[in-house]
Each structure stands twice: as C-alpha cells, then as structure tokens.
C-alpha cells in the first residue's frame, strides 16, 4: 500500500493508507481540490446545500467499485458497500488485505490476513456525518458552496468531529447525485476516490458490516 492523507494523528503509515477511504467517491479528476474559505456560506447557498444533502441521505443503500488517489497521485482500488445509518465497508483489491468496516457504532480498519485492527468510535470520524440518517448542514457546518452549470461543490467542517479537516463533496446540479467527496487534512493534503458501477437500493446480508470484535483486544463489550 502507498501512503495517503490521514485525519487522525499518530497512526502507523499502513493505517493512513486506508483512512483515505473517508475521502471517497469521485467520477471526476483526482486533482487535489482547494479548501474553501472558512466563512459561513450565504443563506441561499446553505439552502441549496441542504436540499442536495437531503437527496444524498435519501439513498439508503449503495454499492460499487472505487479507485483511491492519495495526495501524491498514488492509486489503489476495490469495492465499497454503504447502508444508512452508519454502515460502510471498503474491501481493497488483492494483494492488499486491508478492510474498512463501520457497523453503526464503530469504525474498524485492519489487515484481514494478519488479523490486526484499529477501532474508532464512528461519532469521532467524518463518516458519522456522511452516513447519518439525515445529513444536517446546520450549525455552521457549511464552510463554502460553489454552484456551476455542471457541478455543485459543498465544503463541510465540524471541529468537534474531525478537527481542522474538511470534507468537500461534489454533486450533479440536475440530479443531485454525488460525484465526489474529498478529505483535506489539517496539513492541506487531499485524498479522493473515483467510484463507478454504482448500484442503489441493494439488500445486504448483515455479515457485510460485521466488525470482527473477536480479533480486536479489549472489545468484548462491543460484540453483537
């Protein structure tokens, strides 16, 4: 695996690679996107952002394939699965053994071959915002909105959830379909992921989002 931006500090390099998944989903270029001004968006733009967010959060399930690009252009790929509220899985293609699994309570990032995992509360990651039953853009979360004929870009931030990092999401202005979200970390580094072959309205087996707590020391209380 290659290195990519992380929204967490003090993690081993191998874990930084998969944390780029928090920056997922682009069908446009992987060129790093600038961080928007931290001033609050105008009221009209905030209303547009909320309408788009309502459409996005109305997609209960989706799955597809992804290609992840790190801040230096490094590339990895795999398959993703999402179910609201709070569930996600990213399987990286061979030979990478890395997995990212969110089960609605925690996010587990690990190596399935070595059975080594790191566990984080879902509420302390940007996934808590993106995988919510309804994405609420009130309380100053909208840092910037840019409307163009072929793209609407929304920059989000919440210091209590993910510090100085921001999420920049890009939507089709006509269909409101998500085209990208990019994480910009507190060092200004971006990570993006292209998605394709996306399907919505998919029924998943509960095992898809099962976190292997039995392989994570000290987490017996979190097991199903």
C-alpha atoms as a PDB file:
ATOM      1  CA  UNK A   1       0.000   0.000   0.000  1.00  0.00           C
ATOM      2  CA  UNK A   2       1.059   3.570  -0.558  1.00  0.00           C
ATOM      3  CA  UNK A   3       0.724   6.499   1.790  1.00  0.00           C
ATOM      4  CA  UNK A   4      -2.247   8.868   1.761  1.00  0.00           C
ATOM      5  CA  UNK A   5      -3.647  11.654   3.907  1.00  0.00           C
ATOM      6  CA  UNK A   6      -4.990  10.862   7.345  1.00  0.00           C
ATOM      7  CA  UNK A   7      -7.497  12.686   9.518  1.00  0.00           C
ATOM      8  CA  UNK A   8      -6.041  11.014  12.589  1.00  0.00           C
ATOM      9  CA  UNK A   9      -2.678  11.750  14.156  1.00  0.00           C
ATOM     10  CA  UNK A  10      -0.166   9.259  15.485  1.00  0.00           C
ATOM     11  CA  UNK A  11      -1.248   6.316  13.343  1.00  0.00           C
ATOM     12  CA  UNK A  12       1.109   3.836  11.670  1.00  0.00           C
ATOM     13  CA  UNK A  13       1.724   4.529   7.987  1.00  0.00           C
ATOM     14  CA  UNK A  14      -0.211   1.414   6.944  1.00  0.00           C
ATOM     15  CA  UNK A  15      -3.338   2.745   8.632  1.00  0.00           C
ATOM     16  CA  UNK A  16      -3.008   6.135   6.929  1.00  0.00           C
ATOM     17  CA  UNK A  17      -3.436   4.359   3.620  1.00  0.00           C
ATOM     18  CA  UNK A  18      -6.941   3.121   4.326  1.00  0.00           C
ATOM     19  CA  UNK A  19      -8.081   6.233   6.129  1.00  0.00           C
ATOM     20  CA  UNK A  20      -8.142   7.803   2.700  1.00  0.00           C
ATOM     21  CA  UNK A  21     -11.396   5.917   2.263  1.00  0.00           C
ATOM     22  CA  UNK A  22     -13.044   8.601   4.388  1.00  0.00           C
ATOM     23  CA  UNK A  23     -12.399  10.820   1.425  1.00  0.00           C
ATOM     24  CA  UNK A  24     -14.282   8.716  -1.040  1.00  0.00           C
ATOM     25  CA  UNK A  25     -16.162   8.960  -4.276  1.00  0.00           C
ATOM     26  CA  UNK A  26     -15.233  10.717  -7.485  1.00  0.00           C
ATOM     27  CA  UNK A  27     -16.170  10.265 -11.098  1.00  0.00           C
ATOM     28  CA  UNK A  28     -14.193  13.374 -11.937  1.00  0.00           C
ATOM     29  CA  UNK A  29     -10.440  14.006 -11.834  1.00  0.00           C
ATOM     30  CA  UNK A  30      -8.275  13.208  -8.821  1.00  0.00           C
ATOM     31  CA  UNK A  31      -6.503  16.567  -8.924  1.00  0.00           C
ATOM     32  CA  UNK A  32      -6.404  17.971  -5.349  1.00  0.00           C
ATOM     33  CA  UNK A  33      -9.210  20.435  -4.657  1.00  0.00           C
ATOM     34  CA  UNK A  34      -8.606  23.696  -2.783  1.00  0.00           C
ATOM     35  CA  UNK A  35     -10.028  24.161   0.686  1.00  0.00           C
ATOM     36  CA  UNK A  36     -12.879  26.661   0.623  1.00  0.00           C
ATOM     37  CA  UNK A  37     -12.903  29.777   2.758  1.00  0.00           C
ATOM     38  CA  UNK A  38     -13.920  29.058   6.326  1.00  0.00           C
ATOM     39  CA  UNK A  39     -16.583  31.778   6.383  1.00  0.00           C
ATOM     40  CA  UNK A  40     -20.184  30.654   6.645  1.00  0.00           C
ATOM     41  CA  UNK A  41     -21.961  30.129   3.311  1.00  0.00           C
ATOM     42  CA  UNK A  42     -24.714  32.570   2.270  1.00  0.00           C
ATOM     43  CA  UNK A  43     -28.240  31.590   3.316  1.00  0.00           C
ATOM     44  CA  UNK A  44     -29.333  30.797  -0.248  1.00  0.00           C
ATOM     45  CA  UNK A  45     -26.354  28.550  -0.799  1.00  0.00           C
ATOM     46  CA  UNK A  46     -26.940  26.829   2.535  1.00  0.00           C
ATOM     47  CA  UNK A  47     -30.496  26.032   1.428  1.00  0.00           C
ATOM     48  CA  UNK A  48     -29.154  24.568  -1.821  1.00  0.00           C
ATOM     49  CA  UNK A  49     -26.613  22.534   0.113  1.00  0.00           C
ATOM     50  CA  UNK A  50     -29.287  21.149   2.442  1.00  0.00           C
ATOM     51  CA  UNK A  51     -31.547  20.194  -0.492  1.00  0.00           C
ATOM     52  CA  UNK A  52     -28.672  18.274  -2.078  1.00  0.00           C
ATOM     53  CA  UNK A  53     -27.739  16.675   1.244  1.00  0.00           C
ATOM     54  CA  UNK A  54     -31.356  15.581   1.758  1.00  0.00           C
ATOM     55  CA  UNK A  55     -31.287  13.862  -1.631  1.00  0.00           C
ATOM     56  CA  UNK A  56     -27.979  12.149  -0.872  1.00  0.00           C
ATOM     57  CA  UNK A  57     -29.086  10.991   2.583  1.00  0.00           C
ATOM     58  CA  UNK A  58     -32.244   9.591   0.968  1.00  0.00           C
ATOM     59  CA  UNK A  59     -30.101   6.911  -0.691  1.00  0.00           C
ATOM     60  CA  UNK A  60     -30.389   4.160   1.911  1.00  0.00           C
ATOM     61  CA  UNK A  61     -28.018   1.638   0.329  1.00  0.00           C
ATOM     62  CA  UNK A  62     -25.417   1.646  -2.407  1.00  0.00           C
ATOM     63  CA  UNK A  63     -22.508  -0.406  -3.632  1.00  0.00           C
ATOM     64  CA  UNK A  64     -19.891  -0.140  -6.351  1.00  0.00           C
ATOM     65  CA  UNK A  65     -16.200  -0.078  -7.176  1.00  0.00           C
ATOM     66  CA  UNK A  66     -13.651   2.582  -6.319  1.00  0.00           C
ATOM     67  CA  UNK A  67     -10.193   3.834  -7.209  1.00  0.00           C
ATOM     68  CA  UNK A  68      -8.494   5.830  -4.476  1.00  0.00           C
ATOM     69  CA  UNK A  69      -5.952   8.568  -5.188  1.00  0.00           C
ATOM     70  CA  UNK A  70      -3.632   9.858  -2.484  1.00  0.00           C
ATOM     71  CA  UNK A  71      -2.139  13.352  -2.236  1.00  0.00           C
ATOM     72  CA  UNK A  72       0.849  12.380  -4.417  1.00  0.00           C
ATOM     73  CA  UNK A  73      -1.226  10.548  -7.024  1.00  0.00           C
ATOM     74  CA  UNK A  74      -0.748   7.065  -5.564  1.00  0.00           C
ATOM     75  CA  UNK A  75      -3.557   4.723  -6.535  1.00  0.00           C
ATOM     76  CA  UNK A  76      -5.430   1.775  -5.027  1.00  0.00           C
ATOM     77  CA  UNK A  77      -8.812   0.215  -5.783  1.00  0.00           C
ATOM     78  CA  UNK A  78     -11.544  -2.087  -4.529  1.00  0.00           C
ATOM     79  CA  UNK A  79     -15.264  -2.418  -3.768  1.00  0.00           C
ATOM     80  CA  UNK A  80     -17.483  -0.448  -1.382  1.00  0.00           C
ATOM     81  CA  UNK A  81     -20.835  -1.029   0.347  1.00  0.00           C
ATOM     82  CA  UNK A  82     -22.930   1.572   2.226  1.00  0.00           C
ATOM     83  CA  UNK A  83     -26.107   1.258   4.294  1.00  0.00           C
ATOM     84  CA  UNK A  84     -27.679   4.050   6.329  1.00  0.00           C
ATOM     85  CA  UNK A  85     -27.487   4.771   9.125  1.00  0.00           C
ATOM     86  CA  UNK A  86     -23.822   4.330   9.931  1.00  0.00           C
ATOM     87  CA  UNK A  87     -22.738   1.248   7.979  1.00  0.00           C
ATOM     88  CA  UNK A  88     -19.947   1.019   5.434  1.00  0.00           C
ATOM     89  CA  UNK A  89     -17.413  -1.458   4.099  1.00  0.00           C
ATOM     90  CA  UNK A  90     -14.412  -0.931   1.815  1.00  0.00           C
ATOM     91  CA  UNK A  91     -12.577  -4.010   0.515  1.00  0.00           C
ATOM     92  CA  UNK A  92      -9.269  -3.222  -1.155  1.00  0.00           C
ATOM     93  CA  UNK A  93      -8.275  -5.336  -4.160  1.00  0.00           C
ATOM     94  CA  UNK A  94      -5.609  -8.034  -3.888  1.00  0.00           C
ATOM     95  CA  UNK A  95      -2.854  -8.142  -2.964  1.00  0.00           C
ATOM     96  CA  UNK A  96      -3.911  -5.644  -0.301  1.00  0.00           C
ATOM     97  CA  UNK A  97      -5.520  -7.322   2.744  1.00  0.00           C
ATOM     98  CA  UNK A  98      -6.902  -4.026   4.084  1.00  0.00           C
ATOM     99  CA  UNK A  99     -10.538  -3.527   5.077  1.00  0.00           C
ATOM    100  CA  UNK A 100     -12.574  -0.638   6.490  1.00  0.00           C
ATOM    101  CA  UNK A 101     -15.827  -1.591   8.229  1.00  0.00           C
ATOM    102  CA  UNK A 102     -18.345   0.631  10.020  1.00  0.00           C
ATOM    103  CA  UNK A 103     -21.161  -1.194  11.822  1.00  0.00           C
ATOM    104  CA  UNK A 104     -23.156   1.807  13.053  1.00  0.00           C
ATOM    105  CA  UNK A 105     -21.181   2.145  16.286  1.00  0.00           C
ATOM    106  CA  UNK A 106     -17.508   1.836  15.450  1.00  0.00           C
ATOM    107  CA  UNK A 107     -15.133   2.016  12.500  1.00  0.00           C
ATOM    108  CA  UNK A 108     -12.623  -0.838  12.242  1.00  0.00           C
ATOM    109  CA  UNK A 109      -9.570  -0.534   9.992  1.00  0.00           C
ATOM    110  CA  UNK A 110      -7.452  -3.605   9.611  1.00  0.00           C
ATOM    111  CA  UNK A 111      -5.494  -6.329   7.889  1.00  0.00           C
ATOM    112  CA  UNK A 112      -7.626  -9.447   7.429  1.00  0.00           C
ATOM    113  CA  UNK A 113      -4.607 -11.687   6.867  1.00  0.00           C
ATOM    114  CA  UNK A 114      -2.740 -10.604   9.993  1.00  0.00           C
ATOM    115  CA  UNK A 115      -5.977 -10.067  11.952  1.00  0.00           C
ATOM    116  CA  UNK A 116      -4.714  -6.718  13.196  1.00  0.00           C
ATOM    117  CA  UNK A 117      -7.297  -3.968  13.624  1.00  0.00           C
ATOM    118  CA  UNK A 118      -7.638  -0.401  14.867  1.00  0.00           C
ATOM    119  CA  UNK A 119     -11.012   0.653  16.247  1.00  0.00           C
ATOM    120  CA  UNK A 120     -12.502   4.166  16.389  1.00  0.00           C
ATOM    121  CA  UNK A 121     -15.896   5.438  17.564  1.00  0.00           C
ATOM    122  CA  UNK A 122     -17.980   6.244  14.483  1.00  0.00           C
ATOM    123  CA  UNK A 123     -19.034   9.519  16.131  1.00  0.00           C
ATOM    124  CA  UNK A 124     -15.415  10.748  16.044  1.00  0.00           C
ATOM    125  CA  UNK A 125     -14.971  10.361  12.273  1.00  0.00           C
ATOM    126  CA  UNK A 126     -16.410  12.224   9.253  1.00  0.00           C
ATOM    127  CA  UNK A 127     -18.371   9.067   8.463  1.00  0.00           C
ATOM    128  CA  UNK A 128     -20.760   9.980  11.254  1.00  0.00           C
ATOM    129  CA  UNK A 129     -21.866  12.952   9.163  1.00  0.00           C
ATOM    130  CA  UNK A 130     -21.910  11.271   5.764  1.00  0.00           C
ATOM    131  CA  UNK A 131     -23.643   8.073   6.937  1.00  0.00           C
ATOM    132  CA  UNK A 132     -26.269   9.749   9.112  1.00  0.00           C
ATOM    133  CA  UNK A 133     -29.951   9.007   8.556  1.00  0.00           C
ATOM    134  CA  UNK A 134     -30.244  12.680   7.604  1.00  0.00           C
ATOM    135  CA  UNK A 135     -27.277  14.907   6.874  1.00  0.00           C
ATOM    136  CA  UNK A 136     -27.896  18.097   8.850  1.00  0.00           C
ATOM    137  CA  UNK A 137     -25.908  21.023   7.472  1.00  0.00           C
ATOM    138  CA  UNK A 138     -26.984  23.477  10.134  1.00  0.00           C
ATOM    139  CA  UNK A 139     -24.855  24.828  12.997  1.00  0.00           C
ATOM    140  CA  UNK A 140     -22.192  26.280  10.725  1.00  0.00           C
ATOM    141  CA  UNK A 141     -21.124  23.005   9.102  1.00  0.00           C
ATOM    142  CA  UNK A 142     -21.260  24.518   5.606  1.00  0.00           C
ATOM    143  CA  UNK A 143     -17.918  26.241   5.018  1.00  0.00           C
ATOM    144  CA  UNK A 144     -18.443  27.022   1.358  1.00  0.00           C
ATOM    145  CA  UNK A 145     -20.759  26.377  -1.590  1.00  0.00           C
ATOM    146  CA  UNK A 146     -19.835  26.801  -5.238  1.00  0.00           C
ATOM    147  CA  UNK A 147     -22.526  26.427  -7.905  1.00  0.00           C
ATOM    148  CA  UNK A 148     -21.548  25.891 -11.548  1.00  0.00           C
ATOM    149  CA  UNK A 149     -23.501  24.713 -14.570  1.00  0.00           C
ATOM    150  CA  UNK A 150     -22.085  21.186 -14.388  1.00  0.00           C
ATOM    151  CA  UNK A 151     -21.184  20.854 -10.715  1.00  0.00           C
ATOM    152  CA  UNK A 152     -22.240  21.956  -7.239  1.00  0.00           C
ATOM    153  CA  UNK A 153     -19.453  21.783  -4.662  1.00  0.00           C
ATOM    154  CA  UNK A 154     -20.071  21.873  -0.914  1.00  0.00           C
ATOM    155  CA  UNK A 155     -17.306  22.155   1.667  1.00  0.00           C
ATOM    156  CA  UNK A 156     -18.134  20.945   5.193  1.00  0.00           C
ATOM    157  CA  UNK A 157     -16.357  21.144   8.504  1.00  0.00           C
ATOM    158  CA  UNK A 158     -17.123  20.362  12.122  1.00  0.00           C
ATOM    159  CA  UNK A 159     -14.285  20.974  14.577  1.00  0.00           C
ATOM    160  CA  UNK A 160     -15.912  18.867  17.276  1.00  0.00           C
ATOM    161  CA  UNK A 161     -15.993  15.821  14.972  1.00  0.00           C
ATOM    162  CA  UNK A 162     -12.827  15.903  12.860  1.00  0.00           C
ATOM    163  CA  UNK A 163     -10.760  18.900  13.885  1.00  0.00           C
ATOM    164  CA  UNK A 164      -9.387  21.125  11.147  1.00  0.00           C
ATOM    165  CA  UNK A 165     -10.053  18.618   8.377  1.00  0.00           C
ATOM    166  CA  UNK A 166     -12.739  19.396   5.806  1.00  0.00           C
ATOM    167  CA  UNK A 167     -14.952  17.314   3.535  1.00  0.00           C
ATOM    168  CA  UNK A 168     -15.568  18.646   0.042  1.00  0.00           C
ATOM    169  CA  UNK A 169     -18.477  16.945  -1.739  1.00  0.00           C
ATOM    170  CA  UNK A 170     -19.307  17.419  -5.413  1.00  0.00           C
ATOM    171  CA  UNK A 171     -22.792  16.791  -6.851  1.00  0.00           C
ATOM    172  CA  UNK A 172     -24.509  16.806 -10.206  1.00  0.00           C
ATOM    173  CA  UNK A 173     -26.601  20.027 -10.086  1.00  0.00           C
ATOM    174  CA  UNK A 174     -29.502  18.454 -12.011  1.00  0.00           C
ATOM    175  CA  UNK A 175     -29.837  15.005 -10.423  1.00  0.00           C
ATOM    176  CA  UNK A 176     -28.219  15.850  -7.061  1.00  0.00           C
ATOM    177  CA  UNK A 177     -26.250  12.607  -7.384  1.00  0.00           C
ATOM    178  CA  UNK A 178     -22.967  12.537  -5.502  1.00  0.00           C
ATOM    179  CA  UNK A 179     -19.930  12.674  -7.758  1.00  0.00           C
ATOM    180  CA  UNK A 180     -17.168  13.053  -5.179  1.00  0.00           C
ATOM    181  CA  UNK A 181     -16.169  13.763  -1.655  1.00  0.00           C
ATOM    182  CA  UNK A 182     -12.584  14.645  -0.767  1.00  0.00           C
ATOM    183  CA  UNK A 183     -10.925  14.873   2.629  1.00  0.00           C
ATOM    184  CA  UNK A 184      -8.495  17.742   3.128  1.00  0.00           C
ATOM    185  CA  UNK A 185      -6.476  17.066   6.271  1.00  0.00           C
ATOM    186  CA  UNK A 186      -5.092  19.633   8.682  1.00  0.00           C
ATOM    187  CA  UNK A 187      -1.898  19.804   6.601  1.00  0.00           C
ATOM    188  CA  UNK A 188      -3.832  20.723   3.458  1.00  0.00           C
ATOM    189  CA  UNK A 189      -3.366  17.320   1.795  1.00  0.00           C
ATOM    190  CA  UNK A 190      -6.225  15.829  -0.242  1.00  0.00           C
ATOM    191  CA  UNK A 191      -7.320  12.257  -0.847  1.00  0.00           C
ATOM    192  CA  UNK A 192     -10.006  11.387  -3.411  1.00  0.00           C
ATOM    193  CA  UNK A 193     -11.586   8.193  -4.710  1.00  0.00           C
ATOM    194  CA  UNK A 194     -13.304   7.549  -8.037  1.00  0.00           C
ATOM    195  CA  UNK A 195     -16.418   5.373  -7.911  1.00  0.00           C
ATOM    196  CA  UNK A 196     -18.098   3.506 -10.743  1.00  0.00           C
ATOM    197  CA  UNK A 197     -20.551   0.668 -11.429  1.00  0.00           C
ATOM    198  CA  UNK A 198     -22.688   2.097  -8.624  1.00  0.00           C
ATOM    199  CA  UNK A 199     -25.969   0.413  -7.674  1.00  0.00           C
ATOM    200  CA  UNK A 200     -28.538   1.757  -5.193  1.00  0.00           C
ATOM    201  CA  UNK A 201     -31.422   0.094  -3.355  1.00  0.00           C
ATOM    202  CA  UNK A 202     -29.330  -3.009  -2.687  1.00  0.00           C
ATOM    203  CA  UNK A 203     -30.234  -5.509   0.081  1.00  0.00           C
ATOM    204  CA  UNK A 204     -27.203  -6.554   2.144  1.00  0.00           C
ATOM    205  CA  UNK A 205     -26.603  -9.502   4.435  1.00  0.00           C
ATOM    206  CA  UNK A 206     -25.855  -8.337   7.990  1.00  0.00           C
ATOM    207  CA  UNK A 207     -22.449 -10.036   7.764  1.00  0.00           C
ATOM    208  CA  UNK A 208     -21.269  -7.430   5.232  1.00  0.00           C
ATOM    209  CA  UNK A 209     -20.969  -4.824   8.009  1.00  0.00           C
ATOM    210  CA  UNK A 210     -19.875  -7.147  10.805  1.00  0.00           C
ATOM    211  CA  UNK A 211     -16.828  -5.894  12.711  1.00  0.00           C
ATOM    212  CA  UNK A 212     -14.589  -8.800  13.865  1.00  0.00           C
ATOM    213  CA  UNK A 213     -14.526  -7.782  17.516  1.00  0.00           C
ATOM    214  CA  UNK A 214     -13.178 -11.213  18.444  1.00  0.00           C
ATOM    215  CA  UNK A 215      -9.915 -10.216  16.720  1.00  0.00           C
ATOM    216  CA  UNK A 216      -9.689  -6.846  18.482  1.00  0.00           C
ATOM    217  CA  UNK A 217      -8.339  -6.938  22.008  1.00  0.00           C
ATOM    218  CA  UNK A 218     -10.416  -5.412  24.765  1.00  0.00           C
ATOM    219  CA  UNK A 219     -13.622  -5.031  22.735  1.00  0.00           C
ATOM    220  CA  UNK A 220     -15.777  -7.855  24.072  1.00  0.00           C
ATOM    221  CA  UNK A 221     -18.370  -5.361  25.292  1.00  0.00           C
ATOM    222  CA  UNK A 222     -18.918  -4.212  21.716  1.00  0.00           C
ATOM    223  CA  UNK A 223     -19.660  -7.612  20.251  1.00  0.00           C
ATOM    224  CA  UNK A 224     -23.130  -8.424  18.917  1.00  0.00           C
END
